[in-house]
Structures are given as C-alpha cells and as structure tokens.
Amino acid sequence: LVHSFFRAAMVMNVEGLENFPLDGPAIVAANHLTNFDVFPMQFALPRTICYMGKVELFNTPLDPILRVLCAFPVNRGEKDEWAIRHARKILAQGQTLGMFPEGTRSKGGGLSVAKTGTARMAIDANCPIVPLTVVGSDKFFRQFPRRSRVTINLLPPIMPNPHDTPLSLTDRLMFVLASALPPEMRGVYAE
C-alpha cells in the first residue's frame, strides 16, 4: 500500500544494486534529506532494512507505517542504551540496519559533520557498511501531480579494518558518500 502511494509520487532509479549483500549483517548508511528517505531506500533493496528513527517520529501518524518498515525509536542527543542494544541484536541476527550518520536531516545544506555511531556499530559487529546516496527525495510532493525523480545509488561496501577507529571509519564512509553526491550536496565533505 505504501509502495503504491510512493510510486504515484516518484520515479525511482536504482544504481549499484550489485554492491548490496544478499545475506549476513550489514549497515546501510545514507545521506539524509527528508523524513521520507526511508521509503525509497526500502523499496530499492531486496532485504528489509531496520531503521533507527528519532523518537519524535513515533508520536505521529507515521508510527504504524514506520514499525511495519522495521523502524525503532532512538533518543537523539543522549546515549540511548536500549536503541544501541536493539541495533546490535539486528546485526547479530544477520539482518540489515539502516542509519543516517549525520544524525539529522541536511535540509538541502549538504552533508554535515557525521557522528561516529555507524562506524562503532560496524566495528563492534565486524560487518560491512554499504554507503547509499539518496538524491531527489527533497522534491517529494512539490511538483504534484508530476512525479519526483529519486535516484538511489549503492556504493561498494566498506569493511572496518583492524586499524580503524570510529572516527577514521566515519571519515572514510562520509568521503565515499560525498564523492557520489552532486557537488552542492557534499557539504563539509566536499574536496
């Protein structure tokens, strides 16, 4: 039902699907334009993505839809032990965890400085991070009834190496994401 609704609002192009692992634990790490990013991301991939979402979203009419999409709440701005344990369980069960390393939407201002949580999860679980760019989701419903063009691009997975720190892995991830985004969306990670 949700997919049909978004199909009426967007034309989606998916690139790099061969970079997405079909089994085993993985973290999908994406830039974040709008609260709607999770929908084209999920529709583009053959596996369910369990997302960390800000707790405020779960106090809106989106709550039941987000839970069906395997989202779970996280209290931002504090160390949310429950959310961290839940995310670790997702990876321990060989599932896919979706995260937005910036921790908030960029709202068209380009990438901002990322937090290290995504890298910490990957290092702890020794699992790949699949960088994913979303371009065009910020145009949803602005041109209605014309459909917005959304491009999802999956980049080659990044494996933590033994010398990585959360900060070095975060930097590596964010520079890879930035390199695949249009120049105006690269923000602080522009060359």
N, C-alpha and C. Protein backbone atom coordinates (compact mmCIF):
# COMPACT_ATOMS: atom_id res chain seq x y z
N LEU A 1 0.83 -1.20 0.00
CA LEU A 1 0.00 0.00 0.00
C LEU A 1 0.87 1.25 0.00
N VAL A 2 1.86 1.29 0.88
CA VAL A 2 2.76 2.44 0.96
C VAL A 2 3.57 2.56 -0.33
N HIS A 3 4.00 1.41 -0.84
CA HIS A 3 4.77 1.41 -2.09
C HIS A 3 3.93 2.00 -3.23
N SER A 4 2.67 1.63 -3.31
CA SER A 4 1.80 2.16 -4.36
C SER A 4 1.64 3.67 -4.23
N PHE A 5 1.51 4.14 -3.02
CA PHE A 5 1.38 5.58 -2.77
C PHE A 5 2.62 6.31 -3.26
N PHE A 6 3.81 5.79 -2.92
CA PHE A 6 5.04 6.47 -3.33
C PHE A 6 5.31 6.31 -4.82
N ARG A 7 4.87 5.22 -5.40
CA ARG A 7 5.04 5.04 -6.84
C ARG A 7 4.27 6.14 -7.59
N ALA A 8 3.18 6.59 -7.02
CA ALA A 8 2.41 7.67 -7.64
C ALA A 8 3.11 9.01 -7.49
N ALA A 9 4.03 9.12 -6.52
CA ALA A 9 4.71 10.38 -6.25
C ALA A 9 6.12 10.45 -6.79
N MET A 10 6.70 9.29 -7.20
CA MET A 10 8.10 9.31 -7.63
C MET A 10 8.38 8.34 -8.76
N VAL A 11 9.44 8.68 -9.50
CA VAL A 11 10.04 7.78 -10.47
C VAL A 11 11.41 7.46 -9.87
N MET A 12 11.65 6.19 -9.58
CA MET A 12 12.88 5.82 -8.88
C MET A 12 13.86 5.11 -9.80
N ASN A 13 15.11 5.53 -9.70
CA ASN A 13 16.20 4.91 -10.43
C ASN A 13 17.17 4.33 -9.39
N VAL A 14 17.48 3.05 -9.51
CA VAL A 14 18.38 2.39 -8.55
C VAL A 14 19.66 2.00 -9.29
N GLU A 15 20.79 2.42 -8.74
CA GLU A 15 22.09 2.09 -9.31
C GLU A 15 22.93 1.36 -8.28
N GLY A 16 23.79 0.46 -8.73
CA GLY A 16 24.74 -0.22 -7.85
C GLY A 16 24.15 -1.31 -6.98
N LEU A 17 23.01 -1.86 -7.36
CA LEU A 17 22.38 -2.90 -6.54
C LEU A 17 23.30 -4.11 -6.35
N GLU A 18 24.22 -4.32 -7.28
CA GLU A 18 25.17 -5.44 -7.15
C GLU A 18 26.09 -5.25 -5.94
N ASN A 19 26.16 -4.06 -5.37
CA ASN A 19 27.01 -3.79 -4.19
C ASN A 19 26.33 -4.16 -2.88
N PHE A 20 25.07 -4.54 -2.95
CA PHE A 20 24.33 -4.83 -1.72
C PHE A 20 24.40 -6.32 -1.39
N PRO A 21 24.89 -6.69 -0.19
CA PRO A 21 24.97 -8.11 0.17
C PRO A 21 23.58 -8.71 0.38
N LEU A 22 23.36 -9.89 -0.15
CA LEU A 22 22.04 -10.52 -0.06
C LEU A 22 21.84 -11.30 1.23
N ASP A 23 22.91 -11.50 2.00
CA ASP A 23 22.74 -12.14 3.30
C ASP A 23 23.83 -11.66 4.25
N GLY A 24 23.64 -11.97 5.51
CA GLY A 24 24.59 -11.57 6.54
C GLY A 24 24.33 -10.15 7.03
N PRO A 25 24.92 -9.82 8.17
CA PRO A 25 24.70 -8.49 8.73
C PRO A 25 25.32 -7.40 7.86
N ALA A 26 24.64 -6.27 7.76
CA ALA A 26 25.15 -5.13 7.00
C ALA A 26 24.50 -3.87 7.53
N ILE A 27 25.23 -2.78 7.45
CA ILE A 27 24.70 -1.46 7.80
C ILE A 27 24.59 -0.65 6.52
N VAL A 28 23.41 -0.14 6.24
CA VAL A 28 23.21 0.76 5.11
C VAL A 28 23.30 2.17 5.69
N ALA A 29 24.27 2.95 5.22
CA ALA A 29 24.48 4.30 5.74
C ALA A 29 24.23 5.30 4.62
N ALA A 30 23.31 6.22 4.85
CA ALA A 30 22.88 7.13 3.78
C ALA A 30 22.91 8.59 4.22
N ASN A 31 22.98 9.46 3.20
CA ASN A 31 22.74 10.88 3.47
C ASN A 31 21.25 11.03 3.80
N HIS A 32 20.89 12.14 4.40
CA HIS A 32 19.52 12.27 4.91
C HIS A 32 18.95 13.63 4.54
N LEU A 33 18.00 13.62 3.58
CA LEU A 33 17.39 14.86 3.11
C LEU A 33 16.06 15.15 3.81
N THR A 34 15.20 14.12 3.90
CA THR A 34 13.86 14.31 4.46
C THR A 34 13.47 13.09 5.28
N ASN A 35 12.37 13.22 6.00
CA ASN A 35 11.84 12.07 6.75
C ASN A 35 11.34 10.97 5.82
N PHE A 36 11.16 11.29 4.54
CA PHE A 36 10.67 10.30 3.57
C PHE A 36 11.78 9.44 2.98
N ASP A 37 13.05 9.70 3.27
CA ASP A 37 14.16 8.95 2.68
C ASP A 37 14.05 7.45 2.87
N VAL A 38 13.52 7.04 4.00
CA VAL A 38 13.46 5.60 4.30
C VAL A 38 12.61 4.83 3.29
N PHE A 39 11.62 5.49 2.71
CA PHE A 39 10.73 4.78 1.80
C PHE A 39 11.41 4.39 0.49
N PRO A 40 12.02 5.33 -0.26
CA PRO A 40 12.70 4.87 -1.48
C PRO A 40 13.87 3.94 -1.18
N MET A 41 14.54 4.14 -0.04
CA MET A 41 15.64 3.24 0.31
C MET A 41 15.13 1.82 0.45
N GLN A 42 14.04 1.65 1.20
CA GLN A 42 13.49 0.31 1.41
C GLN A 42 12.97 -0.29 0.13
N PHE A 43 12.30 0.52 -0.70
CA PHE A 43 11.74 0.00 -1.95
C PHE A 43 12.83 -0.42 -2.92
N ALA A 44 14.02 0.15 -2.79
CA ALA A 44 15.12 -0.13 -3.72
C ALA A 44 15.84 -1.44 -3.40
N LEU A 45 15.73 -1.92 -2.18
CA LEU A 45 16.55 -3.05 -1.74
C LEU A 45 15.75 -4.34 -1.58
N PRO A 46 16.40 -5.48 -1.82
CA PRO A 46 15.70 -6.76 -1.73
C PRO A 46 15.56 -7.31 -0.31
N ARG A 47 16.15 -6.63 0.67
CA ARG A 47 16.05 -7.07 2.06
C ARG A 47 15.41 -5.97 2.90
N THR A 48 14.76 -6.36 3.97
CA THR A 48 14.18 -5.38 4.89
C THR A 48 15.30 -4.65 5.62
N ILE A 49 15.15 -3.35 5.73
CA ILE A 49 16.11 -2.54 6.48
C ILE A 49 15.43 -2.13 7.78
N CYS A 50 16.09 -2.38 8.90
CA CYS A 50 15.59 -1.93 10.20
C CYS A 50 16.27 -0.59 10.51
N TYR A 51 15.47 0.45 10.66
CA TYR A 51 16.00 1.81 10.82
C TYR A 51 15.95 2.28 12.25
N MET A 52 16.96 3.08 12.60
CA MET A 52 16.90 3.89 13.79
C MET A 52 16.22 5.18 13.38
N GLY A 53 15.16 5.56 14.07
CA GLY A 53 14.46 6.80 13.76
C GLY A 53 14.28 7.63 15.02
N LYS A 54 14.33 8.94 14.86
CA LYS A 54 14.17 9.80 16.04
C LYS A 54 12.84 9.51 16.71
N VAL A 55 12.85 9.51 18.02
CA VAL A 55 11.68 9.12 18.81
C VAL A 55 10.47 9.99 18.49
N GLU A 56 10.69 11.24 18.09
CA GLU A 56 9.58 12.14 17.78
C GLU A 56 8.70 11.62 16.64
N LEU A 57 9.29 10.88 15.69
CA LEU A 57 8.52 10.34 14.56
C LEU A 57 7.51 9.29 15.01
N PHE A 58 7.76 8.69 16.17
CA PHE A 58 6.90 7.62 16.64
C PHE A 58 5.71 8.17 17.44
N ASN A 59 5.64 9.49 17.52
CA ASN A 59 4.49 10.15 18.14
C ASN A 59 3.67 10.88 17.09
N THR A 60 3.68 10.37 15.86
CA THR A 60 2.95 10.96 14.74
C THR A 60 2.12 9.87 14.06
N PRO A 61 1.29 10.26 13.09
CA PRO A 61 0.53 9.24 12.34
C PRO A 61 1.43 8.27 11.56
N LEU A 62 2.72 8.61 11.39
CA LEU A 62 3.65 7.70 10.69
C LEU A 62 4.02 6.48 11.53
N ASP A 63 3.75 6.51 12.84
CA ASP A 63 4.18 5.44 13.75
C ASP A 63 3.88 4.04 13.24
N PRO A 64 2.63 3.70 12.88
CA PRO A 64 2.38 2.31 12.45
C PRO A 64 3.11 1.95 11.16
N ILE A 65 3.26 2.90 10.26
CA ILE A 65 3.96 2.64 9.00
C ILE A 65 5.44 2.40 9.28
N LEU A 66 6.02 3.21 10.15
CA LEU A 66 7.44 3.05 10.48
C LEU A 66 7.70 1.70 11.13
N ARG A 67 6.83 1.28 12.00
CA ARG A 67 7.02 -0.01 12.68
C ARG A 67 6.90 -1.17 11.70
N VAL A 68 5.99 -1.06 10.72
CA VAL A 68 5.87 -2.09 9.68
C VAL A 68 7.16 -2.15 8.87
N LEU A 69 7.79 -0.99 8.69
CA LEU A 69 9.06 -0.93 7.95
C LEU A 69 10.26 -1.29 8.83
N CYS A 70 10.02 -1.83 10.02
CA CYS A 70 11.08 -2.31 10.91
C CYS A 70 11.88 -1.16 11.53
N ALA A 71 11.26 0.01 11.65
CA ALA A 71 11.95 1.13 12.31
C ALA A 71 11.79 1.01 13.83
N PHE A 72 12.73 1.59 14.55
CA PHE A 72 12.65 1.60 16.01
C PHE A 72 13.17 2.94 16.52
N PRO A 73 12.63 3.41 17.64
CA PRO A 73 12.97 4.76 18.11
C PRO A 73 14.33 4.85 18.78
N VAL A 74 14.93 6.03 18.63
CA VAL A 74 16.18 6.34 19.31
C VAL A 74 16.07 7.77 19.84
N ASN A 75 16.48 7.96 21.08
CA ASN A 75 16.53 9.29 21.67
C ASN A 75 17.84 9.94 21.24
N ARG A 76 17.73 10.95 20.40
CA ARG A 76 18.94 11.63 19.92
C ARG A 76 19.47 12.56 20.99
N GLY A 77 20.76 12.84 20.93
CA GLY A 77 21.36 13.78 21.86
C GLY A 77 21.74 13.14 23.19
N GLU A 78 21.51 11.86 23.31
CA GLU A 78 21.91 11.14 24.52
C GLU A 78 22.27 9.72 24.13
N LYS A 79 22.97 9.04 25.00
CA LYS A 79 23.33 7.66 24.71
C LYS A 79 22.13 6.78 25.06
N ASP A 80 21.43 6.33 24.03
CA ASP A 80 20.22 5.53 24.20
C ASP A 80 20.61 4.06 24.22
N GLU A 81 20.80 3.53 25.41
CA GLU A 81 21.28 2.15 25.58
C GLU A 81 20.33 1.13 24.95
N TRP A 82 19.00 1.35 25.11
CA TRP A 82 18.05 0.40 24.53
C TRP A 82 18.20 0.35 23.01
N ALA A 83 18.28 1.51 22.36
CA ALA A 83 18.41 1.55 20.89
C ALA A 83 19.71 0.90 20.44
N ILE A 84 20.78 1.12 21.17
CA ILE A 84 22.07 0.51 20.82
C ILE A 84 21.99 -1.01 20.93
N ARG A 85 21.42 -1.51 22.03
CA ARG A 85 21.26 -2.96 22.19
C ARG A 85 20.38 -3.55 21.10
N HIS A 86 19.31 -2.85 20.77
CA HIS A 86 18.40 -3.33 19.73
C HIS A 86 19.12 -3.39 18.37
N ALA A 87 19.88 -2.37 18.06
CA ALA A 87 20.63 -2.34 16.80
C ALA A 87 21.65 -3.49 16.76
N ARG A 88 22.30 -3.75 17.86
CA ARG A 88 23.27 -4.86 17.91
C ARG A 88 22.58 -6.21 17.70
N LYS A 89 21.37 -6.36 18.25
CA LYS A 89 20.61 -7.60 18.05
C LYS A 89 20.26 -7.78 16.58
N ILE A 90 19.89 -6.71 15.92
CA ILE A 90 19.55 -6.77 14.50
C ILE A 90 20.74 -7.31 13.71
N LEU A 91 21.92 -6.76 13.98
CA LEU A 91 23.13 -7.21 13.27
C LEU A 91 23.51 -8.63 13.67
N ALA A 92 23.37 -8.96 14.95
CA ALA A 92 23.72 -10.32 15.42
C ALA A 92 22.84 -11.37 14.76
N GLN A 93 21.62 -10.99 14.36
CA GLN A 93 20.72 -11.92 13.70
C GLN A 93 20.90 -11.92 12.18
N GLY A 94 21.95 -11.24 11.70
CA GLY A 94 22.25 -11.26 10.28
C GLY A 94 21.35 -10.37 9.43
N GLN A 95 20.73 -9.39 10.08
CA GLN A 95 19.82 -8.51 9.35
C GLN A 95 20.52 -7.22 8.92
N THR A 96 19.75 -6.34 8.27
CA THR A 96 20.27 -5.08 7.76
C THR A 96 19.80 -3.93 8.64
N LEU A 97 20.75 -3.11 9.06
CA LEU A 97 20.48 -1.94 9.89
C LEU A 97 20.67 -0.70 9.04
N GLY A 98 19.67 0.18 9.03
CA GLY A 98 19.77 1.44 8.30
C GLY A 98 20.08 2.59 9.24
N MET A 99 21.09 3.38 8.89
CA MET A 99 21.47 4.52 9.73
C MET A 99 21.78 5.74 8.88
N PHE A 100 21.59 6.90 9.47
CA PHE A 100 21.94 8.17 8.85
C PHE A 100 23.05 8.76 9.70
N PRO A 101 24.31 8.64 9.26
CA PRO A 101 25.45 9.02 10.09
C PRO A 101 25.43 10.46 10.60
N GLU A 102 24.79 11.37 9.85
CA GLU A 102 24.74 12.76 10.29
C GLU A 102 23.84 12.92 11.52
N GLY A 103 22.92 11.97 11.72
CA GLY A 103 22.04 12.03 12.89
C GLY A 103 20.85 12.95 12.72
N THR A 104 20.78 13.67 11.62
CA THR A 104 19.66 14.57 11.35
C THR A 104 19.60 14.85 9.86
N ARG A 105 18.52 15.48 9.42
CA ARG A 105 18.38 15.81 8.00
C ARG A 105 19.25 17.01 7.64
N SER A 106 19.78 16.99 6.42
CA SER A 106 20.60 18.11 5.96
C SER A 106 19.76 19.27 5.46
N LYS A 107 18.50 19.00 5.08
CA LYS A 107 17.56 20.02 4.61
C LYS A 107 18.15 20.86 3.47
N GLY A 108 18.87 20.20 2.57
CA GLY A 108 19.40 20.89 1.40
C GLY A 108 20.72 21.61 1.62
N GLY A 109 21.26 21.56 2.81
CA GLY A 109 22.51 22.26 3.10
C GLY A 109 23.76 21.45 2.85
N GLY A 110 23.65 20.27 2.29
CA GLY A 110 24.80 19.41 2.08
C GLY A 110 25.12 18.62 3.34
N LEU A 111 26.05 17.67 3.20
CA LEU A 111 26.42 16.82 4.32
C LEU A 111 26.99 17.66 5.47
N SER A 112 26.57 17.32 6.69
CA SER A 112 27.15 17.95 7.87
C SER A 112 28.06 16.94 8.56
N VAL A 113 28.77 17.38 9.56
CA VAL A 113 29.71 16.51 10.26
C VAL A 113 28.97 15.30 10.84
N ALA A 114 29.44 14.12 10.51
CA ALA A 114 28.78 12.88 10.93
C ALA A 114 29.18 12.49 12.35
N LYS A 115 28.29 11.79 12.99
CA LYS A 115 28.58 11.20 14.29
C LYS A 115 29.22 9.83 14.05
N THR A 116 29.84 9.27 15.06
CA THR A 116 30.61 8.03 14.88
C THR A 116 29.82 6.75 15.17
N GLY A 117 28.53 6.86 15.45
CA GLY A 117 27.73 5.69 15.83
C GLY A 117 27.69 4.59 14.78
N THR A 118 27.57 4.97 13.52
CA THR A 118 27.53 3.97 12.44
C THR A 118 28.83 3.17 12.41
N ALA A 119 29.94 3.88 12.49
CA ALA A 119 31.25 3.22 12.48
C ALA A 119 31.43 2.34 13.71
N ARG A 120 31.00 2.80 14.85
CA ARG A 120 31.11 1.99 16.08
C ARG A 120 30.34 0.68 15.93
N MET A 121 29.13 0.76 15.38
CA MET A 121 28.32 -0.46 15.17
C MET A 121 29.04 -1.42 14.22
N ALA A 122 29.60 -0.90 13.14
CA ALA A 122 30.28 -1.75 12.15
C ALA A 122 31.52 -2.40 12.75
N ILE A 123 32.27 -1.64 13.53
CA ILE A 123 33.48 -2.18 14.16
C ILE A 123 33.10 -3.27 15.17
N ASP A 124 32.09 -2.98 16.00
CA ASP A 124 31.66 -3.96 17.02
C ASP A 124 31.15 -5.25 16.39
N ALA A 125 30.39 -5.11 15.29
CA ALA A 125 29.79 -6.30 14.65
C ALA A 125 30.69 -6.89 13.57
N ASN A 126 31.79 -6.20 13.26
CA ASN A 126 32.69 -6.59 12.16
C ASN A 126 31.88 -6.89 10.90
N CYS A 127 31.05 -5.92 10.53
CA CYS A 127 30.20 -6.09 9.35
C CYS A 127 30.42 -4.94 8.39
N PRO A 128 30.05 -5.12 7.13
CA PRO A 128 30.24 -4.06 6.14
C PRO A 128 29.25 -2.91 6.31
N ILE A 129 29.72 -1.75 5.91
CA ILE A 129 28.85 -0.58 5.78
C ILE A 129 28.63 -0.40 4.27
N VAL A 130 27.37 -0.36 3.86
CA VAL A 130 27.06 -0.11 2.45
C VAL A 130 26.65 1.36 2.33
N PRO A 131 27.52 2.21 1.75
CA PRO A 131 27.14 3.61 1.57
C PRO A 131 26.03 3.71 0.52
N LEU A 132 25.03 4.52 0.80
CA LEU A 132 23.90 4.67 -0.11
C LEU A 132 23.56 6.16 -0.22
N THR A 133 23.48 6.66 -1.43
CA THR A 133 23.09 8.06 -1.61
C THR A 133 21.65 8.13 -2.08
N VAL A 134 20.96 9.15 -1.57
CA VAL A 134 19.59 9.44 -1.96
C VAL A 134 19.60 10.84 -2.55
N VAL A 135 19.14 10.97 -3.79
CA VAL A 135 19.06 12.27 -4.45
C VAL A 135 17.65 12.44 -4.99
N GLY A 136 17.01 13.53 -4.63
CA GLY A 136 15.69 13.85 -5.16
C GLY A 136 14.54 13.69 -4.20
N SER A 137 14.74 13.06 -3.05
CA SER A 137 13.63 12.85 -2.12
C SER A 137 13.14 14.17 -1.52
N ASP A 138 13.97 15.20 -1.56
CA ASP A 138 13.56 16.50 -1.04
C ASP A 138 12.54 17.19 -1.94
N LYS A 139 12.29 16.62 -3.12
CA LYS A 139 11.34 17.20 -4.07
C LYS A 139 9.96 16.55 -3.99
N PHE A 140 9.80 15.53 -3.11
CA PHE A 140 8.52 14.85 -2.99
C PHE A 140 7.37 15.83 -2.82
N PHE A 141 6.34 15.59 -3.57
CA PHE A 141 5.06 16.30 -3.46
C PHE A 141 5.14 17.79 -3.81
N ARG A 142 6.30 18.30 -4.17
CA ARG A 142 6.42 19.72 -4.53
C ARG A 142 5.93 20.00 -5.94
N GLN A 143 5.99 19.00 -6.79
CA GLN A 143 5.60 19.16 -8.19
C GLN A 143 4.33 18.39 -8.51
N PHE A 144 3.63 17.94 -7.48
CA PHE A 144 2.45 17.10 -7.68
C PHE A 144 1.47 17.81 -8.58
N PRO A 145 0.88 17.19 -9.59
CA PRO A 145 0.80 15.75 -9.81
C PRO A 145 1.98 15.15 -10.58
N ARG A 146 2.97 16.00 -10.98
CA ARG A 146 4.16 15.41 -11.62
C ARG A 146 4.95 14.64 -10.57
N ARG A 147 5.52 13.51 -11.01
CA ARG A 147 6.28 12.67 -10.08
C ARG A 147 7.71 13.16 -9.94
N SER A 148 8.24 13.07 -8.74
CA SER A 148 9.63 13.45 -8.47
C SER A 148 10.56 12.34 -8.93
N ARG A 149 11.74 12.72 -9.39
CA ARG A 149 12.77 11.74 -9.76
C ARG A 149 13.68 11.52 -8.55
N VAL A 150 13.78 10.26 -8.14
CA VAL A 150 14.62 9.91 -7.00
C VAL A 150 15.65 8.88 -7.47
N THR A 151 16.91 9.15 -7.16
CA THR A 151 17.98 8.21 -7.51
C THR A 151 18.59 7.65 -6.23
N ILE A 152 18.64 6.33 -6.17
CA ILE A 152 19.29 5.61 -5.09
C ILE A 152 20.55 4.99 -5.69
N ASN A 153 21.69 5.25 -5.07
CA ASN A 153 22.95 4.71 -5.57
C ASN A 153 23.65 3.97 -4.43
N LEU A 154 23.85 2.67 -4.61
CA LEU A 154 24.56 1.86 -3.62
C LEU A 154 26.02 1.75 -4.06
N LEU A 155 26.90 2.07 -3.14
CA LEU A 155 28.33 2.06 -3.43
C LEU A 155 28.96 0.80 -2.84
N PRO A 156 30.18 0.46 -3.28
CA PRO A 156 30.82 -0.75 -2.75
C PRO A 156 30.93 -0.72 -1.22
N PRO A 157 30.68 -1.86 -0.58
CA PRO A 157 30.74 -1.93 0.88
C PRO A 157 32.12 -1.55 1.43
N ILE A 158 32.10 -0.98 2.61
CA ILE A 158 33.32 -0.61 3.33
C ILE A 158 33.42 -1.53 4.54
N MET A 159 34.50 -2.30 4.62
CA MET A 159 34.72 -3.16 5.78
C MET A 159 35.64 -2.46 6.77
N PRO A 160 35.32 -2.52 8.05
CA PRO A 160 36.26 -1.97 9.03
C PRO A 160 37.55 -2.77 8.98
N ASN A 161 38.67 -2.09 9.08
CA ASN A 161 39.93 -2.82 9.15
C ASN A 161 40.46 -2.74 10.58
N PRO A 162 41.44 -3.58 10.94
CA PRO A 162 41.91 -3.64 12.33
C PRO A 162 42.46 -2.32 12.87
N HIS A 163 42.88 -1.42 11.98
CA HIS A 163 43.46 -0.15 12.43
C HIS A 163 42.44 0.97 12.49
N ASP A 164 41.20 0.70 12.09
CA ASP A 164 40.18 1.75 12.10
C ASP A 164 39.78 2.14 13.51
N THR A 165 39.61 3.44 13.69
CA THR A 165 38.95 3.97 14.88
C THR A 165 37.55 4.39 14.42
N PRO A 166 36.64 4.61 15.33
CA PRO A 166 35.33 5.09 14.89
C PRO A 166 35.43 6.37 14.04
N LEU A 167 36.34 7.25 14.39
CA LEU A 167 36.48 8.49 13.64
C LEU A 167 37.06 8.26 12.25
N SER A 168 38.08 7.41 12.14
CA SER A 168 38.68 7.18 10.82
C SER A 168 37.71 6.46 9.89
N LEU A 169 36.94 5.51 10.42
CA LEU A 169 35.96 4.80 9.60
C LEU A 169 34.82 5.74 9.20
N THR A 170 34.40 6.61 10.11
CA THR A 170 33.37 7.60 9.79
C THR A 170 33.84 8.51 8.67
N ASP A 171 35.06 9.00 8.76
CA ASP A 171 35.60 9.87 7.70
C ASP A 171 35.65 9.14 6.36
N ARG A 172 36.10 7.91 6.39
CA ARG A 172 36.17 7.13 5.16
C ARG A 172 34.79 6.99 4.52
N LEU A 173 33.81 6.63 5.35
CA LEU A 173 32.43 6.49 4.88
C LEU A 173 31.90 7.80 4.30
N MET A 174 32.09 8.88 5.00
CA MET A 174 31.48 10.15 4.58
C MET A 174 32.13 10.70 3.31
N PHE A 175 33.43 10.50 3.16
CA PHE A 175 34.08 10.96 1.92
C PHE A 175 33.63 10.12 0.72
N VAL A 176 33.38 8.83 0.95
CA VAL A 176 32.84 7.98 -0.13
C VAL A 176 31.43 8.46 -0.50
N LEU A 177 30.59 8.70 0.50
CA LEU A 177 29.24 9.21 0.23
C LEU A 177 29.30 10.53 -0.54
N ALA A 178 30.15 11.44 -0.07
CA ALA A 178 30.26 12.76 -0.70
C ALA A 178 30.68 12.65 -2.16
N SER A 179 31.61 11.74 -2.44
CA SER A 179 32.11 11.62 -3.81
C SER A 179 31.03 11.16 -4.79
N ALA A 180 29.98 10.52 -4.28
CA ALA A 180 28.91 10.02 -5.14
C ALA A 180 27.72 10.98 -5.21
N LEU A 181 27.78 12.08 -4.47
CA LEU A 181 26.70 13.06 -4.46
C LEU A 181 27.02 14.21 -5.40
N PRO A 182 26.00 14.92 -5.88
CA PRO A 182 26.28 16.14 -6.66
C PRO A 182 27.07 17.13 -5.79
N PRO A 183 27.92 17.95 -6.39
CA PRO A 183 28.78 18.87 -5.62
C PRO A 183 28.04 19.71 -4.59
N GLU A 184 26.85 20.18 -4.92
CA GLU A 184 26.12 21.03 -3.99
C GLU A 184 25.59 20.28 -2.77
N MET A 185 25.66 18.95 -2.77
CA MET A 185 25.17 18.16 -1.65
C MET A 185 26.32 17.61 -0.78
N ARG A 186 27.55 17.91 -1.13
CA ARG A 186 28.69 17.33 -0.41
C ARG A 186 28.98 18.01 0.93
N GLY A 187 28.57 19.23 1.09
CA GLY A 187 28.73 19.93 2.37
C GLY A 187 30.14 19.93 2.87
N VAL A 188 30.32 19.60 4.16
CA VAL A 188 31.64 19.67 4.79
C VAL A 188 32.60 18.60 4.28
N TYR A 189 32.09 17.63 3.51
CA TYR A 189 32.95 16.58 2.97
C TYR A 189 33.31 16.82 1.51
N ALA A 190 33.07 18.05 1.04
CA ALA A 190 33.49 18.40 -0.33
C ALA A 190 35.01 18.46 -0.35
N GLU A 191 35.58 18.13 -1.51
CA GLU A 191 37.04 18.15 -1.61
C GLU A 191 37.51 19.59 -1.67
